[in-house]
Structure formats: structure tokens, C-alpha cells
Amino acid sequence: MTRDSAQYFYEGIAERFEGLDHPGDVRRRLGVVFDDCLGPGLAGLSTLAGLRTLDAGCGYGAFSSAAAERGATVISVDIGERLVARACARTGGRGLVADVCRLALRDRSVDVVISSEMLEHTEAPERAIEELARVLRTDGLLVLTTPNRAWQGAVRAASRLGLRPFRGLENFVAWRRLEQWCAAADLEVLLHIGFHPWPFHLGLARAARAVERHLARGRLARLMVNQAIVARRR
């Protein structure tokens, strides 16, 4: 793997990445991770304060920053040096430049793993799940968001038509397959929800939230553009 590989796409736009990210999508994903998935009540977790938290695929640091604001001890991980540097500058925390499929961290050494829209950009998503599970302590939580495989064809078509300037690696994961990989990695799925009932670029955010309130936890959630899962290490 070289610096020209598809895995390094975001490193190549590190200085522009935050400005290119869709603010509505980022806000929604932050809400999903920290309110819907890590809010009070789930798995007995009431706060991130003092918890060693790994932000896997940290990008420019939006999720690292949100975790640090909630008192977590954050380790920001990404494959790109400039991305990790930006995340660390934003949080004042520690950083690790690594492929998430091969993390230089001890077994059962972190309390919480956060990963938002990273899994699909790995060469081997199943291996990434195994590695994230490996570094979680017993009863530690994995909170992960990723696009739904059901939308892979539409997204690739948009890229081919030039509607989407993306040249990186994308391996979307099917809803059921994600649950199976978690189970195989000795993770107990506590919550699996859908969000973004249609592509966020279309707007209508208020209507989207209304649909999510009614359908995000039902069978139709499997048709939504994105999915979020919370799993506990056994």
C-alpha cells in the first residue's frame, strides 16, 4: 500500500476535508453517536469522563473533540499523519497513525471505541471489526456508524457520473453482515438503528428526523442510507 492508494484519499485532502464535509451530516452523526448511542441509560454508561476512548478513523477530529468535551481520555487514530495531527491539535489528546486493521495497542486496553464512517474505507471491514473488538476491555463499548450496503450501487453510480468527487476506497457493509461480524468478534449487539432515510444532500432534515423517530429501530431501518451499532465486549 502506497501513499497513492485509495486508502489515503482523505489524507490527500487533509487541509480541505473539514470544509468539504457536509455540516448537516456531521451534526446528525454526532447526535447519533453521542446522544442516541452513548446517551444516559444504555449499558449502564452515564458519562465518558475518565474513560479511555479510541476514535478510529478520526479524520479532522470532530468526534475526538466531542468525546474530549465529555471528559474522555481520547486516542485519535487514522491512517494519515496529517489527519491525526489535525485531530490532536483540536483536542490536545494523543494520536496514533495506523491502519485500523493493524492497531499497535494492547488487548483489552480501551473502554470505548468510536468509529463514524470509517469502516467502509478499509480494505477488510471484517478484520477492522475484529481489531476494534480486540482492544476493547471486557464490557467496553463499540459505537460505530457506517453506510448501508443497500445503497452501495447508487453511491457508485453517482461517483461514475461525476456527481460525487470521491476516489477513495468504499466497501459498504450489509445490515445483517455487520451484526454477524460483531458476534464473531465476541461483541454483544445492544442497539442497531438506521438513520438518514434518504441521502442527506437532498435536505428535508426535519422530515428525516420524523421518519427516524418512527422507523429507525424497526425493519424499515434496514433500508436507510446509514446504520449505527452499539456492541459490548463480552
C-alpha atoms as a PDB file:
ATOM      1  CA  MET A   1       0.000   0.000   0.000  1.00  0.00           C
ATOM      2  CA  THR A   2       1.466   3.366  -1.081  1.00  0.00           C
ATOM      3  CA  ARG A   3       0.506   6.969  -0.428  1.00  0.00           C
ATOM      4  CA  ASP A   4      -1.283   6.906  -3.778  1.00  0.00           C
ATOM      5  CA  SER A   5      -3.536   4.062  -2.651  1.00  0.00           C
ATOM      6  CA  ALA A   6      -7.270   4.630  -2.316  1.00  0.00           C
ATOM      7  CA  GLN A   7      -6.992   4.210   1.470  1.00  0.00           C
ATOM      8  CA  TYR A   8      -5.102   7.520   1.622  1.00  0.00           C
ATOM      9  CA  PHE A   9      -7.743   9.578  -0.184  1.00  0.00           C
ATOM     10  CA  TYR A  10      -8.678  11.622   2.892  1.00  0.00           C
ATOM     11  CA  GLU A  11      -5.051  12.182   3.848  1.00  0.00           C
ATOM     12  CA  GLY A  12      -4.618  13.790   0.428  1.00  0.00           C
ATOM     13  CA  ILE A  13      -7.337  16.345   1.239  1.00  0.00           C
ATOM     14  CA  ALA A  14      -6.495  16.709   4.946  1.00  0.00           C
ATOM     15  CA  GLU A  15      -6.336  20.522   4.855  1.00  0.00           C
ATOM     16  CA  ARG A  16      -9.663  20.770   2.987  1.00  0.00           C
ATOM     17  CA  PHE A  17     -11.515  17.828   4.489  1.00  0.00           C
ATOM     18  CA  GLU A  18     -13.498  19.698   7.141  1.00  0.00           C
ATOM     19  CA  GLY A  19     -14.643  22.331   4.671  1.00  0.00           C
ATOM     20  CA  LEU A  20     -15.807  19.666   2.232  1.00  0.00           C
ATOM     21  CA  ASP A  21     -17.728  17.662   4.824  1.00  0.00           C
ATOM     22  CA  HIS A  22     -21.483  18.205   4.844  1.00  0.00           C
ATOM     23  CA  PRO A  23     -22.313  20.057   8.108  1.00  0.00           C
ATOM     24  CA  GLY A  24     -25.805  18.570   8.354  1.00  0.00           C
ATOM     25  CA  ASP A  25     -24.464  15.046   8.046  1.00  0.00           C
ATOM     26  CA  VAL A  26     -21.732  15.692  10.626  1.00  0.00           C
ATOM     27  CA  ARG A  27     -24.259  17.132  13.096  1.00  0.00           C
ATOM     28  CA  ARG A  28     -26.544  14.157  12.643  1.00  0.00           C
ATOM     29  CA  ARG A  29     -23.744  11.623  13.085  1.00  0.00           C
ATOM     30  CA  LEU A  30     -22.526  13.402  16.211  1.00  0.00           C
ATOM     31  CA  GLY A  31     -26.062  13.233  17.559  1.00  0.00           C
ATOM     32  CA  VAL A  32     -26.397   9.558  16.701  1.00  0.00           C
ATOM     33  CA  VAL A  33     -23.099   8.645  18.381  1.00  0.00           C
ATOM     34  CA  PHE A  34     -23.241  10.789  21.499  1.00  0.00           C
ATOM     35  CA  ASP A  35     -26.983  11.135  22.112  1.00  0.00           C
ATOM     36  CA  ASP A  36     -28.651   8.072  20.611  1.00  0.00           C
ATOM     37  CA  CYS A  37     -25.860   5.558  21.239  1.00  0.00           C
ATOM     38  CA  LEU A  38     -23.864   6.933  24.182  1.00  0.00           C
ATOM     39  CA  GLY A  39     -26.647   8.795  25.945  1.00  0.00           C
ATOM     40  CA  PRO A  40     -27.582   8.023  29.555  1.00  0.00           C
ATOM     41  CA  GLY A  41     -29.051   4.620  30.174  1.00  0.00           C
ATOM     42  CA  LEU A  42     -27.553   2.372  27.524  1.00  0.00           C
ATOM     43  CA  ALA A  43     -25.417  -0.419  29.013  1.00  0.00           C
ATOM     44  CA  GLY A  44     -25.166   1.495  32.281  1.00  0.00           C
ATOM     45  CA  LEU A  45     -22.878   4.138  30.772  1.00  0.00           C
ATOM     46  CA  SER A  46     -23.752   7.576  32.134  1.00  0.00           C
ATOM     47  CA  THR A  47     -20.629   9.521  31.162  1.00  0.00           C
ATOM     48  CA  LEU A  48     -17.420   9.324  29.152  1.00  0.00           C
ATOM     49  CA  ALA A  49     -15.482  11.137  31.875  1.00  0.00           C
ATOM     50  CA  GLY A  50     -12.204   9.371  32.556  1.00  0.00           C
ATOM     51  CA  LEU A  51     -12.826   6.632  30.002  1.00  0.00           C
ATOM     52  CA  ARG A  52     -10.038   5.756  27.583  1.00  0.00           C
ATOM     53  CA  THR A  53     -11.755   6.329  24.248  1.00  0.00           C
ATOM     54  CA  LEU A  54     -10.419   5.397  20.813  1.00  0.00           C
ATOM     55  CA  ASP A  55     -11.647   7.455  17.851  1.00  0.00           C
ATOM     56  CA  ALA A  56     -10.984   5.021  14.994  1.00  0.00           C
ATOM     57  CA  GLY A  57     -10.820   6.906  11.710  1.00  0.00           C
ATOM     58  CA  CYS A  58     -10.619  10.297  13.403  1.00  0.00           C
ATOM     59  CA  GLY A  59     -10.359  12.389  10.224  1.00  0.00           C
ATOM     60  CA  TYR A  60     -10.025  16.052  11.174  1.00  0.00           C
ATOM     61  CA  GLY A  61     -11.118  15.352  14.749  1.00  0.00           C
ATOM     62  CA  ALA A  62     -14.822  16.219  15.065  1.00  0.00           C
ATOM     63  CA  PHE A  63     -15.629  13.087  17.073  1.00  0.00           C
ATOM     64  CA  SER A  64     -12.386  13.177  19.042  1.00  0.00           C
ATOM     65  CA  SER A  65     -13.232  16.724  20.056  1.00  0.00           C
ATOM     66  CA  ALA A  66     -16.784  15.820  21.081  1.00  0.00           C
ATOM     67  CA  ALA A  67     -15.518  12.912  23.191  1.00  0.00           C
ATOM     68  CA  ALA A  68     -12.874  15.096  24.847  1.00  0.00           C
ATOM     69  CA  GLU A  69     -15.515  17.720  25.667  1.00  0.00           C
ATOM     70  CA  ARG A  70     -17.395  14.972  27.510  1.00  0.00           C
ATOM     71  CA  GLY A  71     -14.347  14.163  29.634  1.00  0.00           C
ATOM     72  CA  ALA A  72     -12.959  11.174  27.752  1.00  0.00           C
ATOM     73  CA  THR A  73      -9.241  10.454  27.502  1.00  0.00           C
ATOM     74  CA  VAL A  74      -9.040  10.330  23.714  1.00  0.00           C
ATOM     75  CA  ILE A  75      -6.703   8.498  21.365  1.00  0.00           C
ATOM     76  CA  SER A  76      -7.235   9.690  17.780  1.00  0.00           C
ATOM     77  CA  VAL A  77      -6.370   7.076  15.155  1.00  0.00           C
ATOM     78  CA  ASP A  78      -6.180   7.410  11.405  1.00  0.00           C
ATOM     79  CA  ILE A  79      -4.080   6.098   8.567  1.00  0.00           C
ATOM     80  CA  GLY A  80      -2.907   9.599   7.630  1.00  0.00           C
ATOM     81  CA  GLU A  81      -0.319  11.578   9.592  1.00  0.00           C
ATOM     82  CA  ARG A  82      -1.804  14.976   8.740  1.00  0.00           C
ATOM     83  CA  LEU A  83      -5.269  13.866   9.768  1.00  0.00           C
ATOM     84  CA  VAL A  84      -4.045  12.620  13.139  1.00  0.00           C
ATOM     85  CA  ALA A  85      -2.086  15.838  13.652  1.00  0.00           C
ATOM     86  CA  ARG A  86      -5.200  17.918  12.991  1.00  0.00           C
ATOM     87  CA  ALA A  87      -7.287  15.837  15.385  1.00  0.00           C
ATOM     88  CA  CYS A  88      -4.662  16.054  18.130  1.00  0.00           C
ATOM     89  CA  ALA A  89      -4.298  19.813  17.688  1.00  0.00           C
ATOM     90  CA  ARG A  90      -8.049  20.105  18.081  1.00  0.00           C
ATOM     91  CA  THR A  91      -8.302  18.000  21.245  1.00  0.00           C
ATOM     92  CA  GLY A  92      -4.880  18.198  22.874  1.00  0.00           C
ATOM     93  CA  GLY A  93      -5.045  14.409  23.147  1.00  0.00           C
ATOM     94  CA  ARG A  94      -2.889  11.547  21.951  1.00  0.00           C
ATOM     95  CA  GLY A  95      -2.697  10.327  18.390  1.00  0.00           C
ATOM     96  CA  LEU A  96      -1.774   7.119  16.599  1.00  0.00           C
ATOM     97  CA  VAL A  97      -1.033   6.803  12.884  1.00  0.00           C
ATOM     98  CA  ALA A  98      -2.151   3.299  11.968  1.00  0.00           C
ATOM     99  CA  ASP A  99      -4.262   1.121   9.728  1.00  0.00           C
ATOM    100  CA  VAL A 100      -7.261   0.226  11.882  1.00  0.00           C
ATOM    101  CA  CYS A 101      -6.869  -3.384  10.768  1.00  0.00           C
ATOM    102  CA  ARG A 102      -3.455  -3.455  12.473  1.00  0.00           C
ATOM    103  CA  LEU A 103      -3.519  -1.360  15.650  1.00  0.00           C
ATOM    104  CA  ALA A 104      -0.423  -1.021  17.818  1.00  0.00           C
ATOM    105  CA  LEU A 105      -2.465  -1.231  21.025  1.00  0.00           C
ATOM    106  CA  ARG A 106      -2.627  -3.877  23.727  1.00  0.00           C
ATOM    107  CA  ASP A 107      -5.528  -6.303  24.004  1.00  0.00           C
ATOM    108  CA  ARG A 108      -8.418  -5.015  26.149  1.00  0.00           C
ATOM    109  CA  SER A 109      -6.759  -1.627  26.661  1.00  0.00           C
ATOM    110  CA  VAL A 110      -9.572   0.864  25.917  1.00  0.00           C
ATOM    111  CA  ASP A 111     -13.013   1.462  27.418  1.00  0.00           C
ATOM    112  CA  VAL A 112     -14.889   2.834  24.406  1.00  0.00           C
ATOM    113  CA  VAL A 113     -14.290   2.736  20.653  1.00  0.00           C
ATOM    114  CA  ILE A 114     -15.995   5.354  18.488  1.00  0.00           C
ATOM    115  CA  SER A 115     -15.882   4.988  14.726  1.00  0.00           C
ATOM    116  CA  SER A 116     -18.006   7.092  12.392  1.00  0.00           C
ATOM    117  CA  GLU A 117     -17.942   6.448   8.636  1.00  0.00           C
ATOM    118  CA  MET A 118     -14.554   4.727   8.725  1.00  0.00           C
ATOM    119  CA  LEU A 119     -15.346   1.021   8.352  1.00  0.00           C
ATOM    120  CA  GLU A 120     -16.337   1.284   4.687  1.00  0.00           C
ATOM    121  CA  HIS A 121     -12.979   2.852   3.824  1.00  0.00           C
ATOM    122  CA  THR A 122     -10.968  -0.160   4.976  1.00  0.00           C
ATOM    123  CA  GLU A 123      -9.751  -2.931   2.733  1.00  0.00           C
ATOM    124  CA  ALA A 124     -11.123  -5.594   5.080  1.00  0.00           C
ATOM    125  CA  PRO A 125     -14.080  -4.349   7.152  1.00  0.00           C
ATOM    126  CA  GLU A 126     -14.482  -7.680   8.953  1.00  0.00           C
ATOM    127  CA  ARG A 127     -10.846  -7.572  10.048  1.00  0.00           C
ATOM    128  CA  ALA A 128     -11.352  -3.997  11.266  1.00  0.00           C
ATOM    129  CA  ILE A 129     -14.245  -5.117  13.480  1.00  0.00           C
ATOM    130  CA  GLU A 130     -12.079  -7.905  14.913  1.00  0.00           C
ATOM    131  CA  GLU A 131      -9.285  -5.467  15.699  1.00  0.00           C
ATOM    132  CA  LEU A 132     -11.573  -2.906  17.318  1.00  0.00           C
ATOM    133  CA  ALA A 133     -13.056  -5.679  19.443  1.00  0.00           C
ATOM    134  CA  ARG A 134      -9.591  -6.916  20.399  1.00  0.00           C
ATOM    135  CA  VAL A 135      -8.574  -3.614  22.007  1.00  0.00           C
ATOM    136  CA  LEU A 136     -11.828  -3.239  23.973  1.00  0.00           C
ATOM    137  CA  ARG A 137     -11.818  -4.219  27.631  1.00  0.00           C
ATOM    138  CA  THR A 138     -14.473  -6.605  28.944  1.00  0.00           C
ATOM    139  CA  ASP A 139     -17.816  -4.739  28.958  1.00  0.00           C
ATOM    140  CA  GLY A 140     -16.291  -1.979  26.823  1.00  0.00           C
ATOM    141  CA  LEU A 141     -18.453  -0.448  24.097  1.00  0.00           C
ATOM    142  CA  LEU A 142     -18.034  -0.167  20.342  1.00  0.00           C
ATOM    143  CA  VAL A 143     -20.134   2.621  18.788  1.00  0.00           C
ATOM    144  CA  LEU A 144     -19.916   2.584  15.020  1.00  0.00           C
ATOM    145  CA  THR A 145     -21.703   4.237  12.112  1.00  0.00           C
ATOM    146  CA  THR A 146     -21.288   3.189   8.512  1.00  0.00           C
ATOM    147  CA  PRO A 147     -23.252   3.324   5.243  1.00  0.00           C
ATOM    148  CA  ASN A 148     -25.694   0.536   4.436  1.00  0.00           C
ATOM    149  CA  ARG A 149     -24.745  -1.925   1.696  1.00  0.00           C
ATOM    150  CA  ALA A 150     -28.221  -1.464   0.201  1.00  0.00           C
ATOM    151  CA  TRP A 151     -27.043   1.944  -1.071  1.00  0.00           C
ATOM    152  CA  GLN A 152     -23.667   0.887  -2.494  1.00  0.00           C
ATOM    153  CA  GLY A 153     -24.887   0.720  -6.089  1.00  0.00           C
ATOM    154  CA  ALA A 154     -26.482   4.161  -6.034  1.00  0.00           C
ATOM    155  CA  VAL A 155     -23.386   5.726  -4.482  1.00  0.00           C
ATOM    156  CA  ARG A 156     -21.051   4.147  -7.025  1.00  0.00           C
ATOM    157  CA  ALA A 157     -23.290   5.309  -9.853  1.00  0.00           C
ATOM    158  CA  ALA A 158     -23.145   8.872  -8.512  1.00  0.00           C
ATOM    159  CA  SER A 159     -19.346   8.669  -8.455  1.00  0.00           C
ATOM    160  CA  ARG A 160     -19.201   7.366 -12.039  1.00  0.00           C
ATOM    161  CA  LEU A 161     -21.470  10.181 -13.205  1.00  0.00           C
ATOM    162  CA  GLY A 162     -19.204  12.782 -11.611  1.00  0.00           C
ATOM    163  CA  LEU A 163     -21.861  13.804  -9.089  1.00  0.00           C
ATOM    164  CA  ARG A 164     -19.585  12.877  -6.222  1.00  0.00           C
ATOM    165  CA  PRO A 165     -15.864  13.742  -6.261  1.00  0.00           C
ATOM    166  CA  PHE A 166     -14.666  10.703  -4.341  1.00  0.00           C
ATOM    167  CA  ARG A 167     -11.767   8.474  -5.400  1.00  0.00           C
ATOM    168  CA  GLY A 168     -11.172   6.530  -2.222  1.00  0.00           C
ATOM    169  CA  LEU A 169     -11.934   3.001  -1.113  1.00  0.00           C
ATOM    170  CA  GLU A 170     -15.533   2.053  -0.319  1.00  0.00           C
ATOM    171  CA  ASN A 171     -16.761  -1.300   0.955  1.00  0.00           C
ATOM    172  CA  PHE A 172     -20.275  -0.811   2.321  1.00  0.00           C
ATOM    173  CA  VAL A 173     -21.449  -3.423   4.820  1.00  0.00           C
ATOM    174  CA  ALA A 174     -24.853  -5.125   4.825  1.00  0.00           C
ATOM    175  CA  TRP A 175     -27.017  -4.740   7.930  1.00  0.00           C
ATOM    176  CA  ARG A 176     -27.088  -8.415   8.870  1.00  0.00           C
ATOM    177  CA  ARG A 177     -23.430  -8.933   7.987  1.00  0.00           C
ATOM    178  CA  LEU A 178     -22.377  -6.224  10.434  1.00  0.00           C
ATOM    179  CA  GLU A 179     -24.250  -7.998  13.228  1.00  0.00           C
ATOM    180  CA  GLN A 180     -22.663 -11.318  12.264  1.00  0.00           C
ATOM    181  CA  TRP A 181     -19.167  -9.833  12.322  1.00  0.00           C
ATOM    182  CA  CYS A 182     -19.787  -8.326  15.752  1.00  0.00           C
ATOM    183  CA  ALA A 183     -20.980 -11.682  17.098  1.00  0.00           C
ATOM    184  CA  ALA A 184     -17.936 -13.446  15.627  1.00  0.00           C
ATOM    185  CA  ALA A 185     -15.678 -10.891  17.359  1.00  0.00           C
ATOM    186  CA  ASP A 186     -17.296 -11.675  20.742  1.00  0.00           C
ATOM    187  CA  LEU A 187     -19.345  -8.478  20.759  1.00  0.00           C
ATOM    188  CA  GLU A 188     -22.928  -8.401  22.009  1.00  0.00           C
ATOM    189  CA  VAL A 189     -25.103  -6.078  19.916  1.00  0.00           C
ATOM    190  CA  LEU A 190     -27.107  -3.803  22.201  1.00  0.00           C
ATOM    191  CA  LEU A 191     -28.563  -1.431  19.620  1.00  0.00           C
ATOM    192  CA  HIS A 192     -28.731  -1.327  15.832  1.00  0.00           C
ATOM    193  CA  ILE A 193     -30.530   1.599  14.241  1.00  0.00           C
ATOM    194  CA  GLY A 194     -30.870   3.274  10.873  1.00  0.00           C
ATOM    195  CA  PHE A 195     -30.523   6.970  10.105  1.00  0.00           C
ATOM    196  CA  HIS A 196     -30.668   9.190   7.019  1.00  0.00           C
ATOM    197  CA  PRO A 197     -33.803   7.661   5.416  1.00  0.00           C
ATOM    198  CA  TRP A 198     -32.683   9.337   2.166  1.00  0.00           C
ATOM    199  CA  PRO A 199     -29.368  10.922   1.094  1.00  0.00           C
ATOM    200  CA  PHE A 200     -28.660  13.910   3.327  1.00  0.00           C
ATOM    201  CA  HIS A 201     -27.759  16.028   0.273  1.00  0.00           C
ATOM    202  CA  LEU A 202     -31.487  16.179  -0.525  1.00  0.00           C
ATOM    203  CA  GLY A 203     -32.169  18.209   2.619  1.00  0.00           C
ATOM    204  CA  LEU A 204     -35.529  17.946   4.412  1.00  0.00           C
ATOM    205  CA  ALA A 205     -33.690  17.301   7.668  1.00  0.00           C
ATOM    206  CA  ARG A 206     -36.763  17.869   9.836  1.00  0.00           C
ATOM    207  CA  ALA A 207     -38.785  15.349   7.858  1.00  0.00           C
ATOM    208  CA  ALA A 208     -35.892  12.891   8.022  1.00  0.00           C
ATOM    209  CA  ARG A 209     -35.796  13.135  11.822  1.00  0.00           C
ATOM    210  CA  ALA A 210     -39.549  12.495  11.949  1.00  0.00           C
ATOM    211  CA  VAL A 211     -39.133   9.344   9.846  1.00  0.00           C
ATOM    212  CA  GLU A 212     -36.252   8.194  12.039  1.00  0.00           C
ATOM    213  CA  ARG A 213     -38.273   8.637  15.206  1.00  0.00           C
ATOM    214  CA  HIS A 214     -40.850   6.179  13.891  1.00  0.00           C
ATOM    215  CA  LEU A 215     -38.749   3.770  11.847  1.00  0.00           C
ATOM    216  CA  ALA A 216     -35.101   3.878  12.937  1.00  0.00           C
ATOM    217  CA  ARG A 217     -35.444   0.787  15.149  1.00  0.00           C
ATOM    218  CA  GLY A 218     -37.835  -1.231  13.016  1.00  0.00           C
ATOM    219  CA  ARG A 219     -37.422  -3.451   9.984  1.00  0.00           C
ATOM    220  CA  LEU A 220     -37.529  -0.499   7.593  1.00  0.00           C
ATOM    221  CA  ALA A 221     -34.389   0.855   9.254  1.00  0.00           C
ATOM    222  CA  ARG A 222     -32.517  -1.694   7.132  1.00  0.00           C
ATOM    223  CA  LEU A 223     -33.361   0.392   4.059  1.00  0.00           C
ATOM    224  CA  MET A 224     -31.904   3.643   5.410  1.00  0.00           C
ATOM    225  CA  VAL A 225     -28.700   5.074   3.986  1.00  0.00           C
ATOM    226  CA  ASN A 226     -26.680   4.751   7.198  1.00  0.00           C
ATOM    227  CA  GLN A 227     -26.652   2.445  10.189  1.00  0.00           C
ATOM    228  CA  ALA A 228     -25.331   2.755  13.723  1.00  0.00           C
ATOM    229  CA  ILE A 229     -24.493  -0.114  16.042  1.00  0.00           C
ATOM    230  CA  VAL A 230     -23.610  -0.319  19.726  1.00  0.00           C
ATOM    231  CA  ALA A 231     -21.921  -3.523  20.834  1.00  0.00           C
ATOM    232  CA  ARG A 232     -20.465  -4.603  24.170  1.00  0.00           C
ATOM    233  CA  ARG A 233     -17.318  -6.709  24.550  1.00  0.00           C
ATOM    234  CA  ARG A 234     -18.061  -9.967  26.325  1.00  0.00           C
END
